[in-house]
């Protein structure tokens, strides 16, 4: 999945979570934590695998459920100590949504071998064959109407969320 797909999927899950819990509009910084969380596994794994050769492939260390749990425990502890639970929750929802959104298409197509990346290093790394880097993937990307619609939807959602968050968290006017 492309970065904007992970962002949209994570945002929908987090928005649903906030609606169910009746939490209202989150501050801008929480949205940034969520966005970072939705990209985190790829930010870690892709460069370490594709550019540095330190990981077996672009879905290994940070895509592993074991790493997610370690990060979740550490961040939850830090977030609780510093009263940053909302930031921690947003990041972790984004993070786990990334892993889930990578899994869903594989499971739906019955490609369970490729879904075993979530259990690395307990299971051997998935053999994707020759992987190409991010730049090569971007160069090979077909600019279609569907792609432009996806990007436009994500852009509209980001602008809507940002404007709504800014308005909800604006300090009241001063009456001097």
Protein backbone atom coordinates (compact mmCIF):
# COMPACT_ATOMS: atom_id res chain seq x y z
CA UNK A 1 0.00 0.00 0.00
CA UNK A 2 1.19 3.52 -0.76
CA UNK A 3 1.77 6.06 2.04
CA UNK A 4 -1.49 7.93 1.39
CA UNK A 5 -3.44 4.67 1.64
CA UNK A 6 -1.90 3.93 5.03
CA UNK A 7 -2.67 7.48 6.13
CA UNK A 8 -6.30 7.32 5.02
CA UNK A 9 -6.86 3.89 6.59
CA UNK A 10 -5.28 4.93 9.89
CA UNK A 11 -7.20 8.20 9.95
CA UNK A 12 -10.52 6.41 9.43
CA UNK A 13 -9.78 3.98 12.24
CA UNK A 14 -8.68 6.75 14.60
CA UNK A 15 -11.66 8.91 13.68
CA UNK A 16 -13.96 5.96 14.43
CA UNK A 17 -12.21 5.38 17.75
CA UNK A 18 -12.64 9.04 18.74
CA UNK A 19 -16.31 9.02 17.69
CA UNK A 20 -17.04 5.85 19.67
CA UNK A 21 -15.32 7.27 22.75
CA UNK A 22 -16.96 10.70 22.15
CA UNK A 23 -13.63 12.48 22.38
CA UNK A 24 -14.36 15.35 20.03
CA UNK A 25 -11.75 17.03 17.87
CA UNK A 26 -8.12 16.21 18.54
CA UNK A 27 -5.34 18.82 18.56
CA UNK A 28 -3.16 19.17 15.46
CA UNK A 29 -0.20 17.54 17.18
CA UNK A 30 -2.27 14.38 17.71
CA UNK A 31 -2.95 14.22 13.98
CA UNK A 32 0.76 14.52 13.34
CA UNK A 33 1.43 11.63 15.74
CA UNK A 34 -1.22 9.56 13.97
CA UNK A 35 0.21 10.37 10.54
CA UNK A 36 3.72 9.46 11.69
CA UNK A 37 2.44 6.19 13.14
CA UNK A 38 0.78 5.25 9.84
CA UNK A 39 4.13 5.59 8.09
CA UNK A 40 6.46 4.33 10.84
CA UNK A 41 6.90 0.68 9.71
CA UNK A 42 7.92 1.77 6.21
CA UNK A 43 10.13 4.61 7.49
CA UNK A 44 12.09 2.02 9.48
CA UNK A 45 12.03 -1.08 7.27
CA UNK A 46 12.31 0.22 3.71
CA UNK A 47 15.56 2.21 4.06
CA UNK A 48 17.17 -0.42 6.30
CA UNK A 49 16.35 -3.15 3.77
CA UNK A 50 16.46 -1.45 0.38
CA UNK A 51 19.24 1.07 0.90
CA UNK A 52 21.43 -0.33 3.65
CA UNK A 53 20.80 -4.08 3.35
CA UNK A 54 20.48 -4.43 7.14
CA UNK A 55 17.07 -6.12 7.04
CA UNK A 56 15.95 -9.07 4.91
CA UNK A 57 13.19 -7.07 3.18
CA UNK A 58 10.99 -3.99 3.42
CA UNK A 59 8.47 -5.76 5.66
CA UNK A 60 10.35 -7.21 8.57
CA UNK A 61 11.47 -5.49 11.78
CA UNK A 62 8.95 -2.66 12.21
CA UNK A 63 6.20 -4.65 10.47
CA UNK A 64 6.55 -7.44 13.04
CA UNK A 65 3.85 -7.66 15.68
CA UNK A 66 6.62 -8.33 18.21
CA UNK A 67 8.23 -4.96 17.49
CA UNK A 68 4.82 -3.30 17.65
CA UNK A 69 4.24 -4.70 21.14
CA UNK A 70 7.67 -3.58 22.35
CA UNK A 71 7.10 -0.07 20.98
CA UNK A 72 3.59 -0.03 22.46
CA UNK A 73 4.82 -0.96 25.93
CA UNK A 74 7.64 1.59 25.86
CA UNK A 75 5.51 4.44 24.48
CA UNK A 76 2.61 3.69 26.81
CA UNK A 77 4.98 3.89 29.76
CA UNK A 78 6.54 7.14 28.52
CA UNK A 79 3.13 8.57 27.56
CA UNK A 80 1.71 7.84 30.98
CA UNK A 81 4.67 9.42 32.76
CA UNK A 82 4.50 12.58 30.69
CA UNK A 83 0.70 12.70 30.40
CA UNK A 84 0.87 12.32 26.64
CA UNK A 85 -1.57 9.42 26.37
CA UNK A 86 -3.49 10.94 23.46
CA UNK A 87 -0.32 11.28 21.38
CA UNK A 88 0.73 7.74 22.27
CA UNK A 89 -2.68 6.33 21.38
CA UNK A 90 -2.76 8.18 18.05
CA UNK A 91 0.73 6.97 17.10
CA UNK A 92 -0.03 3.36 18.10
CA UNK A 93 -3.37 3.33 16.26
CA UNK A 94 -1.56 4.60 13.18
CA UNK A 95 1.20 2.05 13.61
CA UNK A 96 -1.07 -0.98 14.03
CA UNK A 97 -3.36 0.23 11.23
CA UNK A 98 -0.34 0.17 8.90
CA UNK A 99 0.37 -3.47 9.74
CA UNK A 100 -3.31 -4.41 9.40
CA UNK A 101 -3.67 -2.60 6.07
CA UNK A 102 -0.66 -4.49 4.72
CA UNK A 103 -2.21 -7.77 5.90
CA UNK A 104 -5.79 -7.36 4.68
CA UNK A 105 -5.16 -7.65 0.91
CA UNK A 106 -2.86 -10.65 1.43
CA UNK A 107 -5.37 -12.51 3.58
CA UNK A 108 -8.29 -11.68 1.27
CA UNK A 109 -6.34 -13.02 -1.72
CA UNK A 110 -5.30 -16.11 0.24
CA UNK A 111 -1.59 -15.24 0.08
CA UNK A 112 -0.93 -16.35 3.64
CA UNK A 113 2.78 -16.99 3.02
CA UNK A 114 3.27 -13.27 2.37
CA UNK A 115 1.30 -12.43 5.52
CA UNK A 116 3.89 -14.17 7.72
CA UNK A 117 5.96 -10.97 7.83
CA UNK A 118 4.06 -10.06 11.00
CA UNK A 119 5.74 -12.93 12.84
CA UNK A 120 9.33 -12.09 11.83
CA UNK A 121 11.83 -13.12 13.27
CA UNK A 122 9.89 -16.05 14.75
CA UNK A 123 9.19 -17.11 11.15
CA UNK A 124 11.75 -16.74 8.36
CA UNK A 125 11.60 -13.57 6.27
CA UNK A 126 9.28 -13.57 3.28
CA UNK A 127 11.10 -13.95 -0.03
CA UNK A 128 9.75 -11.17 -2.26
CA UNK A 129 12.37 -11.84 -4.90
CA UNK A 130 14.34 -8.86 -6.18
CA UNK A 131 13.01 -5.77 -4.43
CA UNK A 132 13.38 -2.35 -5.95
CA UNK A 133 13.90 0.84 -3.98
CA UNK A 134 11.48 3.65 -3.28
CA UNK A 135 12.70 5.91 -6.10
CA UNK A 136 12.29 3.09 -8.64
CA UNK A 137 8.79 2.42 -7.32
CA UNK A 138 7.85 6.09 -7.67
CA UNK A 139 9.28 6.17 -11.19
CA UNK A 140 7.21 3.08 -12.08
CA UNK A 141 4.02 4.53 -10.59
CA UNK A 142 1.29 5.02 -13.17
CA UNK A 143 -0.44 8.37 -12.81
CA UNK A 144 -4.04 7.35 -13.38
CA UNK A 145 -7.34 9.05 -12.68
CA UNK A 146 -7.86 6.65 -9.77
CA UNK A 147 -4.53 7.62 -8.23
CA UNK A 148 -5.31 11.32 -8.57
CA UNK A 149 -8.72 10.80 -6.96
CA UNK A 150 -7.09 8.95 -4.03
CA UNK A 151 -4.58 11.75 -3.52
CA UNK A 152 -7.30 14.40 -3.79
CA UNK A 153 -9.42 12.62 -1.17
CA UNK A 154 -6.50 12.40 1.24
CA UNK A 155 -5.65 16.07 0.66
CA UNK A 156 -9.25 17.15 1.30
CA UNK A 157 -9.39 15.04 4.48
CA UNK A 158 -6.13 16.53 5.76
CA UNK A 159 -7.28 20.10 5.09
CA UNK A 160 -10.70 19.42 6.65
CA UNK A 161 -9.17 17.86 9.74
CA UNK A 162 -6.59 20.63 10.12
CA UNK A 163 -9.13 23.46 9.82
CA UNK A 164 -11.52 21.69 12.19
CA UNK A 165 -8.76 21.00 14.73
CA UNK A 166 -7.50 24.59 14.61
CA UNK A 167 -11.02 25.99 15.10
CA UNK A 168 -11.81 23.62 17.98
CA UNK A 169 -8.60 24.41 19.86
CA UNK A 170 -8.44 28.14 19.28
CA UNK A 171 -8.23 30.03 22.58
CA UNK A 172 -11.26 32.15 23.44
CA UNK A 173 -11.04 35.85 22.57
CA UNK A 174 -9.69 38.13 25.28
CA UNK A 175 -11.92 40.80 26.70
CA UNK A 176 -9.50 43.36 28.06
